[in-house]
Protein backbone atom coordinates (compact mmCIF):
# COMPACT_ATOMS: atom_id res chain seq x y z
CA UNK A 1 -0.18 -0.13 -0.09
CA UNK A 2 1.10 3.62 -1.04
CA UNK A 3 0.39 6.71 1.26
CA UNK A 4 -0.72 10.14 0.57
CA UNK A 5 -0.36 13.49 2.91
CA UNK A 6 -3.65 15.78 2.87
CA UNK A 7 -1.87 18.94 3.03
CA UNK A 8 -1.43 20.50 6.34
CA UNK A 9 -3.24 18.03 8.49
CA UNK A 10 -0.71 15.37 9.31
CA UNK A 11 -2.79 13.18 8.05
CA UNK A 12 -1.39 10.52 5.85
CA UNK A 13 -4.05 8.17 4.09
CA UNK A 14 -3.81 5.09 2.40
CA UNK A 15 -4.39 5.18 -1.82
CA UNK A 16 -7.05 3.27 -1.56
CA UNK A 17 -9.37 3.64 0.88
CA UNK A 18 -12.71 1.77 1.46
CA UNK A 19 -15.98 3.46 1.16
CA UNK A 20 -18.90 2.47 3.75
CA UNK A 21 -22.08 3.81 1.82
CA UNK A 22 -22.88 -0.18 1.38
CA UNK A 23 -22.21 -1.19 5.22
CA UNK A 24 -25.53 1.11 5.62
CA UNK A 25 -27.81 -1.22 3.95
CA UNK A 26 -31.31 -0.45 2.59
CA UNK A 27 -32.17 2.78 3.01
CA UNK A 28 -34.71 5.90 1.67
CA UNK A 29 -34.81 9.84 1.70
CA UNK A 30 -36.74 11.36 4.32
CA UNK A 31 -37.23 14.17 2.34
CA UNK A 32 -38.16 12.34 -1.02
CA UNK A 33 -38.34 8.81 -0.07
CA UNK A 34 -35.88 8.02 -2.98
CA UNK A 35 -33.77 5.04 -2.04
CA UNK A 36 -30.39 5.99 -0.96
CA UNK A 37 -29.19 2.65 -0.07
CA UNK A 38 -27.38 -0.59 -1.20
CA UNK A 39 -29.45 -4.63 -0.49
CA UNK A 40 -27.97 -7.47 -0.15
CA UNK A 41 -25.47 -6.08 2.51
CA UNK A 42 -24.45 -9.03 5.02
CA UNK A 43 -22.49 -8.30 8.53
CA UNK A 44 -20.34 -11.04 8.35
CA UNK A 45 -19.47 -10.30 4.62
CA UNK A 46 -18.77 -6.85 5.59
CA UNK A 47 -16.52 -7.96 8.51
CA UNK A 48 -14.19 -10.25 6.17
CA UNK A 49 -14.18 -7.30 3.44
CA UNK A 50 -12.84 -4.83 6.04
CA UNK A 51 -10.09 -7.81 7.61
CA UNK A 52 -9.15 -7.58 3.84
CA UNK A 53 -8.50 -4.27 4.10
CA UNK A 54 -7.10 -3.57 7.07
CA UNK A 55 -4.61 -7.14 5.99
CA UNK A 56 -3.90 -4.93 2.87
CA UNK A 57 -2.36 -1.94 4.45
CA UNK A 58 -6.21 0.02 3.90
CA UNK A 59 -6.34 2.92 6.89
CA UNK A 60 -9.04 5.23 5.24
CA UNK A 61 -12.36 4.41 6.01
CA UNK A 62 -14.94 6.99 4.63
CA UNK A 63 -18.50 6.84 6.32
CA UNK A 64 -21.73 9.25 6.87
CA UNK A 65 -24.00 9.81 9.08
CA UNK A 66 -26.70 9.03 6.54
CA UNK A 67 -25.45 5.44 5.64
CA UNK A 68 -28.02 3.64 7.07
CA UNK A 69 -28.68 6.74 9.42
CA UNK A 70 -25.54 5.98 11.80
CA UNK A 71 -25.75 1.78 10.46
CA UNK A 72 -22.57 2.02 9.12
CA UNK A 73 -20.82 3.89 11.58
CA UNK A 74 -21.86 1.55 14.46
CA UNK A 75 -20.83 -1.26 11.77
CA UNK A 76 -17.07 0.21 11.33
CA UNK A 77 -16.73 0.37 14.73
CA UNK A 78 -18.29 -2.98 15.41
CA UNK A 79 -15.83 -4.51 12.96
CA UNK A 80 -12.69 -2.81 14.20
CA UNK A 81 -13.57 -4.06 17.72
CA UNK A 82 -13.95 -7.45 16.41
CA UNK A 83 -10.53 -7.21 14.59
CA UNK A 84 -8.65 -5.90 17.40
CA UNK A 85 -8.18 -3.09 15.10
CA UNK A 86 -5.52 0.26 17.29
CA UNK A 87 -7.70 2.43 16.50
CA UNK A 88 -5.00 5.04 16.22
CA UNK A 89 -3.43 3.33 12.87
CA UNK A 90 -6.64 4.25 11.28
CA UNK A 91 -7.96 7.58 9.64
CA UNK A 92 -11.89 7.43 10.30
CA UNK A 93 -14.18 10.18 8.22
CA UNK A 94 -17.52 10.62 8.34
CA UNK A 95 -19.96 13.17 7.16
CA UNK A 96 -22.48 15.52 7.97
CA UNK A 97 -25.29 17.44 5.71
CA UNK A 98 -27.92 14.61 4.28
CA UNK A 99 -29.70 13.65 7.24
CA UNK A 100 -31.58 16.59 9.06
CA UNK A 101 -33.27 14.79 11.67
CA UNK A 102 -35.99 17.45 13.15
CA UNK A 103 -34.15 20.22 12.58
CA UNK A 104 -35.13 22.60 9.25
CA UNK A 105 -31.98 22.22 8.22
CA UNK A 106 -28.81 19.89 8.91
CA UNK A 107 -26.26 22.91 8.77
CA UNK A 108 -27.81 24.85 12.22
CA UNK A 109 -25.30 24.43 14.46
CA UNK A 110 -27.27 22.74 16.93
CA UNK A 111 -27.39 19.73 14.41
CA UNK A 112 -24.07 19.71 13.70
CA UNK A 113 -22.70 19.46 17.10
CA UNK A 114 -25.26 17.09 17.41
CA UNK A 115 -24.11 14.36 14.78
CA UNK A 116 -20.99 14.74 15.76
CA UNK A 117 -21.56 13.57 19.05
CA UNK A 118 -24.05 10.80 17.59
CA UNK A 119 -21.13 10.23 15.57
CA UNK A 120 -18.32 10.08 18.06
CA UNK A 121 -20.37 7.30 20.07
CA UNK A 122 -21.40 5.10 16.94
CA UNK A 123 -17.78 5.05 15.81
CA UNK A 124 -16.50 4.54 19.40
CA UNK A 125 -13.64 6.93 19.86
CA UNK A 126 -13.39 10.45 20.36
CA UNK A 127 -12.16 12.66 17.61
CA UNK A 128 -13.91 12.21 13.55
CA UNK A 129 -10.10 12.63 11.69
CA UNK A 130 -12.08 14.13 8.59
CA UNK A 131 -15.09 15.44 9.09
CA UNK A 132 -17.05 16.61 5.79
CA UNK A 133 -19.92 18.85 5.34
CA UNK A 134 -21.34 16.61 2.75
CA UNK A 135 -23.47 19.20 0.37
CA UNK A 136 -23.03 22.15 -0.87
CA UNK A 137 -26.38 23.69 -0.56
CA UNK A 138 -25.82 26.39 1.96
CA UNK A 139 -28.72 28.69 0.87
CA UNK A 140 -32.53 27.24 2.16
CA UNK A 141 -35.07 27.68 4.91
CA UNK A 142 -34.11 28.80 8.46
CA UNK A 143 -34.46 31.35 10.75
CA UNK A 144 -33.74 34.94 11.32
CA UNK A 145 -32.87 36.81 14.55
CA UNK A 146 -36.19 36.96 15.75
CA UNK A 147 -37.08 33.21 15.34
CA UNK A 148 -39.49 33.61 12.38
CA UNK A 149 -38.67 31.28 8.95
CA UNK A 150 -37.39 32.95 6.49
CA UNK A 151 -37.17 30.96 2.91
CA UNK A 152 -33.00 32.35 1.65
CA UNK A 153 -30.97 32.08 4.99
CA UNK A 154 -27.05 31.44 4.50
CA UNK A 155 -25.89 28.88 6.84
CA UNK A 156 -22.19 28.73 5.32
CA UNK A 157 -20.94 31.42 7.67
CA UNK A 158 -22.12 29.33 11.11
CA UNK A 159 -21.74 26.03 10.15
CA UNK A 160 -17.53 26.77 9.10
CA UNK A 161 -17.56 28.84 12.40
CA UNK A 162 -19.41 25.64 14.19
CA UNK A 163 -17.16 23.07 12.18
CA UNK A 164 -13.44 24.67 13.17
CA UNK A 165 -14.78 25.03 17.04
CA UNK A 166 -14.76 21.23 17.16
CA UNK A 167 -11.36 21.37 15.51
CA UNK A 168 -10.44 23.51 18.21
CA UNK A 169 -12.32 21.34 20.73
CA UNK A 170 -10.33 18.29 19.16
CA UNK A 171 -13.28 16.43 18.22
CA UNK A 172 -12.17 16.96 14.65
CA UNK A 173 -8.89 16.95 13.09
CA UNK A 174 -9.29 18.53 10.04
CA UNK A 175 -12.20 19.58 7.87
CA UNK A 176 -13.57 18.85 4.34
CA UNK A 177 -15.97 19.61 1.96
CA UNK A 178 -18.16 17.18 -0.22
CA UNK A 179 -19.99 19.33 -2.87
CA UNK A 180 -21.87 17.87 -6.42
CA UNK A 181 -20.97 21.31 -8.21
CA UNK A 182 -18.18 23.10 -9.46
CA UNK A 183 -19.90 26.51 -8.27
CA UNK A 184 -20.37 25.07 -4.31
CA UNK A 185 -16.66 24.70 -4.39
CA UNK A 186 -15.93 27.66 -5.49
CA UNK A 187 -18.40 29.43 -2.62
CA UNK A 188 -17.72 27.22 0.24
CA UNK A 189 -13.54 26.67 0.03
CA UNK A 190 -12.84 30.56 0.29
CA UNK A 191 -14.85 30.57 3.73
CA UNK A 192 -14.97 26.83 5.05
CA UNK A 193 -11.44 26.82 4.57
CA UNK A 194 -11.28 22.69 4.01
CA UNK A 195 -8.22 20.51 3.79
CA UNK A 196 -9.50 17.78 1.41
CA UNK A 197 -12.44 17.64 -0.68
CA UNK A 198 -14.45 14.86 -1.87
CA UNK A 199 -16.57 14.21 -5.32
CA UNK A 200 -16.77 11.14 -7.81
CA UNK A 201 -14.39 10.67 -10.59
CA UNK A 202 -14.01 8.00 -12.69
CA UNK A 203 -12.95 7.27 -15.91
CA UNK A 204 -16.59 8.02 -17.40
CA UNK A 205 -16.90 11.54 -15.55
CA UNK A 206 -13.71 13.67 -15.16
CA UNK A 207 -15.68 16.76 -14.15
CA UNK A 208 -13.16 17.61 -11.11
CA UNK A 209 -9.90 16.11 -12.00
CA UNK A 210 -9.77 17.22 -15.24
CA UNK A 211 -6.17 19.04 -16.02
CA UNK A 212 -7.01 22.79 -16.31
CA UNK A 213 -10.52 22.47 -14.98
CA UNK A 214 -11.74 25.02 -12.95
CA UNK A 215 -11.79 22.65 -9.87
CA UNK A 216 -7.80 21.83 -10.29
CA UNK A 217 -7.31 25.30 -10.00
CA UNK A 218 -9.07 26.08 -6.80
CA UNK A 219 -7.47 22.92 -5.75
CA UNK A 220 -4.13 24.19 -6.22
CA UNK A 221 -5.05 27.99 -5.22
CA UNK A 222 -6.46 26.63 -1.77
CA UNK A 223 -3.85 24.01 -0.99
CA UNK A 224 -6.44 21.05 -1.27
CA UNK A 225 -6.64 17.49 -1.83
CA UNK A 226 -9.33 15.23 -2.98
CA UNK A 227 -10.61 12.18 -1.88
CA UNK A 228 -12.62 10.45 -5.18
CA UNK A 229 -15.29 8.18 -4.46
CA UNK A 230 -17.37 6.03 -7.07
CA UNK A 231 -13.90 4.92 -8.96
CA UNK A 232 -15.31 1.94 -10.23
CA UNK A 233 -18.45 3.77 -11.07
CA UNK A 234 -20.68 1.42 -8.89
CA UNK A 235 -19.62 -1.74 -11.09
CA UNK A 236 -19.88 -0.49 -14.14
CA UNK A 237 -16.41 0.24 -14.95
CA UNK A 238 -15.46 -3.85 -13.96
CA UNK A 239 -17.86 -5.25 -16.72
CA UNK A 240 -19.74 -6.83 -13.96
CA UNK A 241 -23.30 -6.32 -15.89
CA UNK A 242 -25.17 -7.96 -19.25
CA UNK A 243 -26.02 -5.55 -21.52
CA UNK A 244 -28.49 -7.91 -22.66
CA UNK A 245 -29.68 -8.72 -18.95
CA UNK A 246 -29.13 -5.19 -17.21
CA UNK A 247 -29.71 -5.70 -13.37
CA UNK A 248 -32.58 -4.92 -10.99
CA UNK A 249 -32.04 -3.95 -7.48
CA UNK A 250 -34.55 -4.46 -4.62
CA UNK A 251 -36.31 -2.09 -2.95
CA UNK A 252 -34.10 0.83 -0.66
CA UNK A 253 -31.21 0.08 -3.16
CA UNK A 254 -29.76 3.36 -5.07
CA UNK A 255 -29.10 1.98 -8.18
CA UNK A 256 -32.73 1.04 -8.59
CA UNK A 257 -33.20 4.37 -9.94
CA UNK A 258 -29.79 5.23 -11.46
CA UNK A 259 -30.57 5.20 -15.21
CA UNK A 260 -26.80 4.31 -16.28
CA UNK A 261 -27.79 0.64 -15.17
CA UNK A 262 -29.84 0.16 -18.94
CA UNK A 263 -28.64 -1.80 -22.36
CA UNK A 264 -27.25 1.26 -24.02
CA UNK A 265 -24.69 2.65 -21.64
CA UNK A 266 -23.63 -0.84 -20.55
CA UNK A 267 -22.91 -2.06 -24.09
CA UNK A 268 -21.16 1.22 -24.72
CA UNK A 269 -18.75 0.55 -21.91
CA UNK A 270 -18.26 -2.74 -22.60
CA UNK A 271 -17.17 -1.97 -25.64
CA UNK A 272 -14.35 0.67 -24.94
CA UNK A 273 -13.64 -1.86 -21.75
CA UNK A 274 -12.73 -4.67 -24.24
CA UNK A 275 -9.96 -2.20 -26.04
CA UNK A 276 -9.03 -1.80 -21.99
CA UNK A 277 -8.84 -5.57 -21.89
CA UNK A 278 -6.52 -5.61 -25.07
CA UNK A 279 -4.21 -3.39 -24.04
CA UNK A 280 -3.82 -4.01 -20.29
CA UNK A 281 -4.55 -7.57 -19.50
CA UNK A 282 -0.91 -8.96 -19.70
CA UNK A 283 -2.02 -12.82 -18.73
CA UNK A 284 -4.06 -11.64 -16.21
CA UNK A 285 -6.12 -14.32 -14.71
CA UNK A 286 -8.58 -12.40 -12.94
CA UNK A 287 -10.13 -9.38 -15.47
CA UNK A 288 -12.35 -7.76 -12.47
CA UNK A 289 -9.47 -7.13 -10.50
CA UNK A 290 -7.91 -5.91 -13.13
CA UNK A 291 -10.25 -3.14 -14.55
CA UNK A 292 -10.42 -2.42 -11.01
CA UNK A 293 -6.83 -1.60 -10.92
CA UNK A 294 -7.13 0.43 -13.75
CA UNK A 295 -10.07 2.49 -13.13
CA UNK A 296 -8.89 2.95 -9.05
CA UNK A 297 -5.52 3.87 -10.47
CA UNK A 298 -5.93 6.47 -13.64
CA UNK A 299 -8.26 8.47 -11.04
CA UNK A 300 -4.56 8.39 -9.02
CA UNK A 301 -2.87 9.75 -11.61
CA UNK A 302 -4.36 13.45 -10.85
CA UNK A 303 -1.72 15.46 -8.18
CA UNK A 304 -4.35 16.28 -6.10
CA UNK A 305 -5.80 13.13 -5.56
CA UNK A 306 -5.05 11.59 -2.33
CA UNK A 307 -7.16 8.18 -1.83
CA UNK A 308 -10.02 6.69 -3.94
CA UNK A 309 -12.40 5.13 -2.01
CA UNK A 310 -14.18 2.67 -3.82
CA UNK A 311 -17.31 1.04 -2.14
CA UNK A 312 -17.30 -3.13 -0.96
CA UNK A 313 -19.49 -5.64 0.34
CA UNK A 314 -17.40 -8.83 0.96
CA UNK A 315 -14.05 -10.03 1.00
CA UNK A 316 -14.06 -10.89 -3.02
CA UNK A 317 -14.62 -6.96 -3.78
CA UNK A 318 -12.19 -5.79 -0.88
CA UNK A 319 -9.19 -7.93 -2.32
CA UNK A 320 -10.00 -6.66 -6.00
CA UNK A 321 -10.14 -3.05 -4.40
CA UNK A 322 -6.48 -3.52 -3.41
CA UNK A 323 -4.97 -4.80 -6.87
CA UNK A 324 -4.33 -0.85 -7.59
CA UNK A 325 -2.12 -0.82 -4.31
CA UNK A 326 -0.06 -4.01 -5.60
CA UNK A 327 0.50 -2.60 -9.01
CA UNK A 328 2.31 0.27 -10.21
CA UNK A 329 1.49 3.75 -10.84
CA UNK A 330 -0.18 4.30 -14.28
CA UNK A 331 2.17 6.09 -16.36
CA UNK A 332 0.87 9.63 -18.30
CA UNK A 333 0.53 7.69 -22.10
CA UNK A 334 -1.80 5.67 -20.31
CA UNK A 335 -3.59 8.07 -18.59
CA UNK A 336 -4.00 9.68 -21.84
CA UNK A 337 -4.61 7.13 -23.86
CA UNK A 338 -7.67 6.10 -21.18
CA UNK A 339 -8.94 9.61 -20.58
CA UNK A 340 -9.29 9.82 -25.17
CA UNK A 341 -10.92 6.33 -24.62
CA UNK A 342 -13.62 7.36 -22.41
CA UNK A 343 -13.96 11.16 -22.64
CA UNK A 344 -12.69 11.36 -26.55
């Protein structure tokens, strides 16, 4: 395993971290009713996957309060307990922002503090190593100085102060920002001053790691690193789904509503992956692990990416994730060829 430093934090994280979203199991949004979890999750399988990660040098675990509404945090802590993992050797990240409970908005300072304390309890720890705001939508309904509800309250200044107060109190080590648009990052970063950002990055979706892109310039200007989720595009880049028999997913599974699991998309990706196999196979007996390695190493070739965080549900998936840590870093010609194949 190789490790990379997060600027200004003293934290060094494994290039391959493990995303914990799947640990939460099936879940639904309390706002829209849409599925936001994962099906087919078994605690024994998760434990075996965590063990494989620990054995392979993973020290970076990415969680959130909304993943199973706390279940994923509690599951990770229980896995660490069963495996006898030394907490001080691990970098635990979690997030606040999508689960608002009874608060009018999840970025209310009182709610942030409440969720921080609950996450600390769920994770059985005294500090969160990386604490992210889970999205960049800071303007929403809120209260004015008189306690009246207003439609366009800006939570960013007070949320940022609360987050940095938690750092001063020793409950948080590093501040992070996850967001879904460059505009949200551009607005939040100068105020929040996060040291690490998070968003999706993969061969099919490279907006946030595109050379010369707006976010790249922003990260350089503010000396931020990026954690890339979705490097395998939820298995689409592993060529595991048959275009002629596209997958179906259970109730409560996020993928049930994702449009990319359709025959046309899967067939187009499969055609590109056949060219990837021709170039990179080299006699590999495990094509799935090979494709996993290529996908993650391509993301990690970006100078500002500190870690890629594929998800996992069992030991087999965990071991496939780890293949990227065993293979050599990707060369610039390989990076360029893949970018032209998928983005050209």
